[in-house]
PDB file of N, CA and C in Angstrom:
ATOM      1  N   LYS A   1      -0.643   2.605   1.767  1.00  0.00           N
ATOM      2  CA  LYS A   1      -1.402   1.638   0.999  1.00  0.00           C
ATOM      3  C   LYS A   1      -1.864   0.520   1.919  1.00  0.00           C
ATOM      4  N   VAL A   2      -3.034  -0.011   1.625  1.00  0.00           N
ATOM      5  CA  VAL A   2      -3.612  -1.085   2.422  1.00  0.00           C
ATOM      6  C   VAL A   2      -3.682  -2.337   1.549  1.00  0.00           C
ATOM      7  N   PHE A   3      -3.188  -3.459   2.085  1.00  0.00           N
ATOM      8  CA  PHE A   3      -3.151  -4.723   1.364  1.00  0.00           C
ATOM      9  C   PHE A   3      -3.944  -5.775   2.131  1.00  0.00           C
ATOM     10  N   SER A   4      -4.340  -6.843   1.439  1.00  0.00           N
ATOM     11  CA  SER A   4      -4.962  -7.989   2.094  1.00  0.00           C
ATOM     12  C   SER A   4      -3.941  -8.636   3.002  1.00  0.00           C
ATOM     13  N   THR A   5      -4.395  -9.124   4.133  1.00  0.00           N
ATOM     14  CA  THR A   5      -3.507  -9.793   5.078  1.00  0.00           C
ATOM     15  C   THR A   5      -3.461 -11.298   4.853  1.00  0.00           C
ATOM     16  N   PHE A   6      -4.140 -11.772   3.813  1.00  0.00           N
ATOM     17  CA  PHE A   6      -4.227 -13.207   3.563  1.00  0.00           C
ATOM     18  C   PHE A   6      -3.290 -13.630   2.445  1.00  0.00           C
ATOM     19  N   ALA A   7      -2.659 -14.787   2.613  1.00  0.00           N
ATOM     20  CA  ALA A   7      -1.877 -15.379   1.528  1.00  0.00           C
ATOM     21  C   ALA A   7      -2.867 -15.957   0.525  1.00  0.00           C
ATOM     22  N   GLY A   8      -2.566 -15.872  -0.745  1.00  0.00           N
ATOM     23  CA  GLY A   8      -3.480 -16.380  -1.767  1.00  0.00           C
ATOM     24  C   GLY A   8      -4.532 -15.365  -2.136  1.00  0.00           C
ATOM     25  N   SER A   9      -5.436 -15.776  -2.995  1.00  0.00           N
ATOM     26  CA  SER A   9      -6.455 -14.874  -3.522  1.00  0.00           C
ATOM     27  C   SER A   9      -7.668 -14.797  -2.608  1.00  0.00           C
ATOM     28  N   VAL A  10      -8.237 -13.593  -2.530  1.00  0.00           N
ATOM     29  CA  VAL A  10      -9.476 -13.355  -1.796  1.00  0.00           C
ATOM     30  C   VAL A  10     -10.383 -12.507  -2.682  1.00  0.00           C
ATOM     31  N   ASP A  11     -11.679 -12.527  -2.378  1.00  0.00           N
ATOM     32  CA  ASP A  11     -12.655 -11.723  -3.110  1.00  0.00           C
ATOM     33  C   ASP A  11     -13.065 -10.529  -2.265  1.00  0.00           C
ATOM     34  N   ILE A  12     -13.152  -9.361  -2.891  1.00  0.00           N
ATOM     35  CA  ILE A  12     -13.658  -8.160  -2.221  1.00  0.00           C
ATOM     36  C   ILE A  12     -15.173  -8.289  -2.147  1.00  0.00           C
ATOM     37  N   VAL A  13     -15.742  -8.258  -0.928  1.00  0.00           N
ATOM     38  CA  VAL A  13     -17.192  -8.388  -0.788  1.00  0.00           C
ATOM     39  C   VAL A  13     -17.862  -7.110  -0.301  1.00  0.00           C
ATOM     40  N   ASP A  14     -17.117  -6.194   0.310  1.00  0.00           N
ATOM     41  CA  ASP A  14     -17.710  -4.921   0.739  1.00  0.00           C
ATOM     42  C   ASP A  14     -16.613  -3.885   0.917  1.00  0.00           C
ATOM     43  N   ILE A  15     -16.888  -2.672   0.466  1.00  0.00           N
ATOM     44  CA  ILE A  15     -15.986  -1.534   0.653  1.00  0.00           C
ATOM     45  C   ILE A  15     -16.756  -0.540   1.503  1.00  0.00           C
ATOM     46  N   LEU A  16     -16.269  -0.279   2.708  1.00  0.00           N
ATOM     47  CA  LEU A  16     -17.023   0.491   3.692  1.00  0.00           C
ATOM     48  C   LEU A  16     -16.647   1.962   3.741  1.00  0.00           C
ATOM     49  N   VAL A  17     -15.772   2.400   2.845  1.00  0.00           N
ATOM     50  CA  VAL A  17     -15.345   3.794   2.782  1.00  0.00           C
ATOM     51  C   VAL A  17     -15.387   4.248   1.330  1.00  0.00           C
ATOM     52  N   GLU A  18     -15.210   5.534   1.123  1.00  0.00           N
ATOM     53  CA  GLU A  18     -15.118   6.079  -0.236  1.00  0.00           C
ATOM     54  C   GLU A  18     -13.970   7.082  -0.264  1.00  0.00           C
ATOM     55  N   VAL A  19     -13.555   7.460  -1.451  1.00  0.00           N
ATOM     56  CA  VAL A  19     -12.495   8.460  -1.568  1.00  0.00           C
ATOM     57  C   VAL A  19     -12.940   9.715  -0.817  1.00  0.00           C
ATOM     58  N   GLY A  20     -12.062  10.228   0.025  1.00  0.00           N
ATOM     59  CA  GLY A  20     -12.376  11.401   0.840  1.00  0.00           C
ATOM     60  C   GLY A  20     -12.788  11.063   2.262  1.00  0.00           C
ATOM     61  N   SER A  21     -13.080   9.784   2.527  1.00  0.00           N
ATOM     62  CA  SER A  21     -13.464   9.378   3.885  1.00  0.00           C
ATOM     63  C   SER A  21     -12.284   9.517   4.832  1.00  0.00           C
ATOM     64  N   ARG A  22     -12.545  10.050   6.017  1.00  0.00           N
ATOM     65  CA  ARG A  22     -11.530  10.109   7.074  1.00  0.00           C
ATOM     66  C   ARG A  22     -11.643   8.813   7.865  1.00  0.00           C
ATOM     67  N   VAL A  23     -10.524   8.128   8.086  1.00  0.00           N
ATOM     68  CA  VAL A  23     -10.536   6.857   8.801  1.00  0.00           C
ATOM     69  C   VAL A  23      -9.599   6.910  10.002  1.00  0.00           C
ATOM     70  N   LYS A  24      -9.884   6.077  10.973  1.00  0.00           N
ATOM     71  CA  LYS A  24      -9.062   5.951  12.184  1.00  0.00           C
ATOM     72  C   LYS A  24      -8.369   4.601  12.163  1.00  0.00           C
ATOM     73  N   LYS A  25      -7.186   4.537  12.732  1.00  0.00           N
ATOM     74  CA  LYS A  25      -6.451   3.280  12.841  1.00  0.00           C
ATOM     75  C   LYS A  25      -7.349   2.226  13.505  1.00  0.00           C
ATOM     76  N   GLY A  26      -7.426   1.054  12.895  1.00  0.00           N
ATOM     77  CA  GLY A  26      -8.231  -0.036  13.438  1.00  0.00           C
ATOM     78  C   GLY A  26      -9.654  -0.084  12.920  1.00  0.00           C
ATOM     79  N   GLN A  27     -10.081   0.954  12.206  1.00  0.00           N
ATOM     80  CA  GLN A  27     -11.434   0.983  11.647  1.00  0.00           C
ATOM     81  C   GLN A  27     -11.545  -0.025  10.508  1.00  0.00           C
ATOM     82  N   VAL A  28     -12.647  -0.774  10.463  1.00  0.00           N
ATOM     83  CA  VAL A  28     -12.875  -1.716   9.366  1.00  0.00           C
ATOM     84  C   VAL A  28     -13.194  -0.909   8.112  1.00  0.00           C
ATOM     85  N   ILE A  29     -12.414  -1.140   7.042  1.00  0.00           N
ATOM     86  CA  ILE A  29     -12.586  -0.360   5.823  1.00  0.00           C
ATOM     87  C   ILE A  29     -13.010  -1.211   4.630  1.00  0.00           C
ATOM     88  N   VAL A  30     -12.678  -2.497   4.649  1.00  0.00           N
ATOM     89  CA  VAL A  30     -13.007  -3.414   3.556  1.00  0.00           C
ATOM     90  C   VAL A  30     -13.279  -4.786   4.160  1.00  0.00           C
ATOM     91  N   GLN A  31     -14.175  -5.544   3.513  1.00  0.00           N
ATOM     92  CA  GLN A  31     -14.371  -6.936   3.898  1.00  0.00           C
ATOM     93  C   GLN A  31     -14.033  -7.811   2.699  1.00  0.00           C
ATOM     94  N   VAL A  32     -13.316  -8.890   2.988  1.00  0.00           N
ATOM     95  CA  VAL A  32     -12.956  -9.850   1.950  1.00  0.00           C
ATOM     96  C   VAL A  32     -13.503 -11.218   2.332  1.00  0.00           C
ATOM     97  N   GLU A  33     -13.647 -12.078   1.327  1.00  0.00           N
ATOM     98  CA  GLU A  33     -14.060 -13.451   1.592  1.00  0.00           C
ATOM     99  C   GLU A  33     -12.891 -14.370   1.320  1.00  0.00           C
ATOM    100  N   ALA A  34     -12.562 -15.154   2.322  1.00  0.00           N
ATOM    101  CA  ALA A  34     -11.500 -16.150   2.205  1.00  0.00           C
ATOM    102  C   ALA A  34     -11.961 -17.394   2.945  1.00  0.00           C
ATOM    103  N   MET A  35     -11.791 -18.531   2.351  1.00  0.00           N
ATOM    104  CA  MET A  35     -12.189 -19.796   2.963  1.00  0.00           C
ATOM    105  C   MET A  35     -13.658 -19.782   3.374  1.00  0.00           C
ATOM    106  N   LYS A  36     -14.520 -19.241   2.512  1.00  0.00           N
ATOM    107  CA  LYS A  36     -15.974 -19.200   2.711  1.00  0.00           C
ATOM    108  C   LYS A  36     -16.425 -18.369   3.905  1.00  0.00           C
ATOM    109  N   ALA A  37     -15.568 -17.467   4.377  1.00  0.00           N
ATOM    110  CA  ALA A  37     -15.933 -16.607   5.503  1.00  0.00           C
ATOM    111  C   ALA A  37     -15.515 -15.173   5.206  1.00  0.00           C
ATOM    112  N   LYS A  38     -16.277 -14.213   5.764  1.00  0.00           N
ATOM    113  CA  LYS A  38     -15.924 -12.799   5.619  1.00  0.00           C
ATOM    114  C   LYS A  38     -14.880 -12.421   6.655  1.00  0.00           C
ATOM    115  N   HIS A  39     -13.913 -11.625   6.215  1.00  0.00           N
ATOM    116  CA  HIS A  39     -12.863 -11.151   7.110  1.00  0.00           C
ATOM    117  C   HIS A  39     -12.714  -9.642   6.946  1.00  0.00           C
ATOM    118  N   ASP A  40     -12.461  -8.954   8.050  1.00  0.00           N
ATOM    119  CA  ASP A  40     -12.316  -7.506   8.037  1.00  0.00           C
ATOM    120  C   ASP A  40     -10.873  -7.114   7.733  1.00  0.00           C
ATOM    121  N   ILE A  41     -10.721  -6.101   6.887  1.00  0.00           N
ATOM    122  CA  ILE A  41      -9.434  -5.453   6.671  1.00  0.00           C
ATOM    123  C   ILE A  41      -9.546  -4.088   7.359  1.00  0.00           C
ATOM    124  N   LYS A  42      -8.604  -3.810   8.258  1.00  0.00           N
ATOM    125  CA  LYS A  42      -8.669  -2.588   9.064  1.00  0.00           C
ATOM    126  C   LYS A  42      -7.631  -1.575   8.612  1.00  0.00           C
ATOM    127  N   ALA A  43      -7.950  -0.317   8.845  1.00  0.00           N
ATOM    128  CA  ALA A  43      -7.015   0.765   8.512  1.00  0.00           C
ATOM    129  C   ALA A  43      -5.768   0.637   9.372  1.00  0.00           C
ATOM    130  N   PRO A  44      -4.581   0.679   8.755  1.00  0.00           N
ATOM    131  CA  PRO A  44      -3.347   0.573   9.527  1.00  0.00           C
ATOM    132  C   PRO A  44      -2.967   1.860  10.242  1.00  0.00           C
ATOM    133  N   ARG A  45      -3.616   2.975   9.866  1.00  0.00           N
ATOM    134  CA  ARG A  45      -3.304   4.262  10.496  1.00  0.00           C
ATOM    135  C   ARG A  45      -4.440   5.242  10.245  1.00  0.00           C
ATOM    136  N   ASP A  46      -4.422   6.359  10.943  1.00  0.00           N
ATOM    137  CA  ASP A  46      -5.382   7.437  10.708  1.00  0.00           C
ATOM    138  C   ASP A  46      -5.056   8.108   9.376  1.00  0.00           C
ATOM    139  N   GLY A  47      -6.069   8.662   8.729  1.00  0.00           N
ATOM    140  CA  GLY A  47      -5.839   9.415   7.501  1.00  0.00           C
ATOM    141  C   GLY A  47      -7.107   9.568   6.686  1.00  0.00           C
ATOM    142  N   VAL A  48      -6.910   9.937   5.431  1.00  0.00           N
ATOM    143  CA  VAL A  48      -8.016  10.143   4.496  1.00  0.00           C
ATOM    144  C   VAL A  48      -7.813   9.212   3.310  1.00  0.00           C
ATOM    145  N   VAL A  49      -8.874   8.539   2.901  1.00  0.00           N
ATOM    146  CA  VAL A  49      -8.801   7.638   1.744  1.00  0.00           C
ATOM    147  C   VAL A  49      -8.606   8.491   0.492  1.00  0.00           C
ATOM    148  N   SER A  50      -7.476   8.289  -0.190  1.00  0.00           N
ATOM    149  CA  SER A  50      -7.189   9.087  -1.383  1.00  0.00           C
ATOM    150  C   SER A  50      -7.406   8.312  -2.687  1.00  0.00           C
ATOM    151  N   ALA A  51      -7.471   6.984  -2.607  1.00  0.00           N
ATOM    152  CA  ALA A  51      -7.729   6.175  -3.810  1.00  0.00           C
ATOM    153  C   ALA A  51      -8.259   4.810  -3.401  1.00  0.00           C
ATOM    154  N   ILE A  52      -9.179   4.278  -4.188  1.00  0.00           N
ATOM    155  CA  ILE A  52      -9.667   2.910  -4.017  1.00  0.00           C
ATOM    156  C   ILE A  52      -9.355   2.182  -5.314  1.00  0.00           C
ATOM    157  N   ASN A  53      -8.571   1.112  -5.206  1.00  0.00           N
ATOM    158  CA  ASN A  53      -8.051   0.424  -6.387  1.00  0.00           C
ATOM    159  C   ASN A  53      -8.802  -0.858  -6.751  1.00  0.00           C
ATOM    160  N   VAL A  54      -9.894  -1.160  -6.043  1.00  0.00           N
ATOM    161  CA  VAL A  54     -10.645  -2.389  -6.284  1.00  0.00           C
ATOM    162  C   VAL A  54     -12.132  -2.078  -6.347  1.00  0.00           C
ATOM    163  N   GLU A  55     -12.890  -3.059  -6.831  1.00  0.00           N
ATOM    164  CA  GLU A  55     -14.346  -2.991  -6.826  1.00  0.00           C
ATOM    165  C   GLU A  55     -14.874  -4.248  -6.173  1.00  0.00           C
ATOM    166  N   ILE A  56     -16.099  -4.194  -5.666  1.00  0.00           N
ATOM    167  CA  ILE A  56     -16.724  -5.377  -5.091  1.00  0.00           C
ATOM    168  C   ILE A  56     -16.755  -6.467  -6.159  1.00  0.00           C
ATOM    169  N   GLY A  57     -16.354  -7.662  -5.778  1.00  0.00           N
ATOM    170  CA  GLY A  57     -16.304  -8.793  -6.696  1.00  0.00           C
ATOM    171  C   GLY A  57     -14.924  -9.062  -7.257  1.00  0.00           C
ATOM    172  N   ASP A  58     -13.995  -8.100  -7.118  1.00  0.00           N
ATOM    173  CA  ASP A  58     -12.624  -8.313  -7.596  1.00  0.00           C
ATOM    174  C   ASP A  58     -11.946  -9.410  -6.795  1.00  0.00           C
ATOM    175  N   GLU A  59     -11.146 -10.213  -7.475  1.00  0.00           N
ATOM    176  CA  GLU A  59     -10.299 -11.195  -6.802  1.00  0.00           C
ATOM    177  C   GLU A  59      -8.893 -10.623  -6.764  1.00  0.00           C
ATOM    178  N   ILE A  60      -8.330 -10.545  -5.565  1.00  0.00           N
ATOM    179  CA  ILE A  60      -7.005  -9.941  -5.403  1.00  0.00           C
ATOM    180  C   ILE A  60      -6.123 -10.855  -4.568  1.00  0.00           C
ATOM    181  N   ASP A  61      -4.843 -10.552  -4.525  1.00  0.00           N
ATOM    182  CA  ASP A  61      -3.928 -11.216  -3.592  1.00  0.00           C
ATOM    183  C   ASP A  61      -3.199 -10.143  -2.802  1.00  0.00           C
ATOM    184  N   SER A  62      -2.302 -10.561  -1.945  1.00  0.00           N
ATOM    185  CA  SER A  62      -1.670  -9.617  -1.022  1.00  0.00           C
ATOM    186  C   SER A  62      -0.684  -8.660  -1.691  1.00  0.00           C
ATOM    187  N   SER A  63      -0.462  -8.806  -3.009  1.00  0.00           N
ATOM    188  CA  SER A  63       0.458  -7.897  -3.700  1.00  0.00           C
ATOM    189  C   SER A  63      -0.252  -6.676  -4.271  1.00  0.00           C
ATOM    190  N   LYS A  64      -1.595  -6.680  -4.312  1.00  0.00           N
ATOM    191  CA  LYS A  64      -2.353  -5.555  -4.887  1.00  0.00           C
ATOM    192  C   LYS A  64      -2.874  -4.662  -3.775  1.00  0.00           C
ATOM    193  N   ALA A  65      -2.553  -3.380  -3.864  1.00  0.00           N
ATOM    194  CA  ALA A  65      -3.066  -2.413  -2.875  1.00  0.00           C
ATOM    195  C   ALA A  65      -4.571  -2.262  -3.053  1.00  0.00           C
ATOM    196  N   ILE A  66      -5.308  -2.438  -1.956  1.00  0.00           N
ATOM    197  CA  ILE A  66      -6.761  -2.304  -1.993  1.00  0.00           C
ATOM    198  C   ILE A  66      -7.136  -0.830  -2.078  1.00  0.00           C
ATOM    199  N   LEU A  67      -6.499  -0.029  -1.238  1.00  0.00           N
ATOM    200  CA  LEU A  67      -6.751   1.412  -1.263  1.00  0.00           C
ATOM    201  C   LEU A  67      -5.544   2.138  -0.691  1.00  0.00           C
ATOM    202  N   VAL A  68      -5.591   3.456  -0.808  1.00  0.00           N
ATOM    203  CA  VAL A  68      -4.495   4.296  -0.325  1.00  0.00           C
ATOM    204  C   VAL A  68      -5.054   5.260   0.723  1.00  0.00           C
ATOM    205  N   ILE A  69      -4.359   5.326   1.861  1.00  0.00           N
ATOM    206  CA  ILE A  69      -4.709   6.283   2.910  1.00  0.00           C
ATOM    207  C   ILE A  69      -3.587   7.308   2.983  1.00  0.00           C
ATOM    208  N   SER A  70      -3.951   8.581   2.808  1.00  0.00           N
ATOM    209  CA  SER A  70      -2.958   9.671   2.852  1.00  0.00           C
ATOM    210  C   SER A  70      -2.981  10.354   4.202  1.00  0.00           C
TER     211      SER A  70
END
């Protein structure tokens, strides 16, 4: 599972993968907005995206999994 690395709430502004996408460790997979700036969320490991739990515009915190990499 991939989580936001920021304390507090952030907004999802871009999702750069879809279910079934193969990703590499370090690849930017989601962008969030925090403190009026865009920040990249990177894949923590190689794998395939098996679920996306958010939509663009969602406000989340670090306790909600953004997506799942299998």
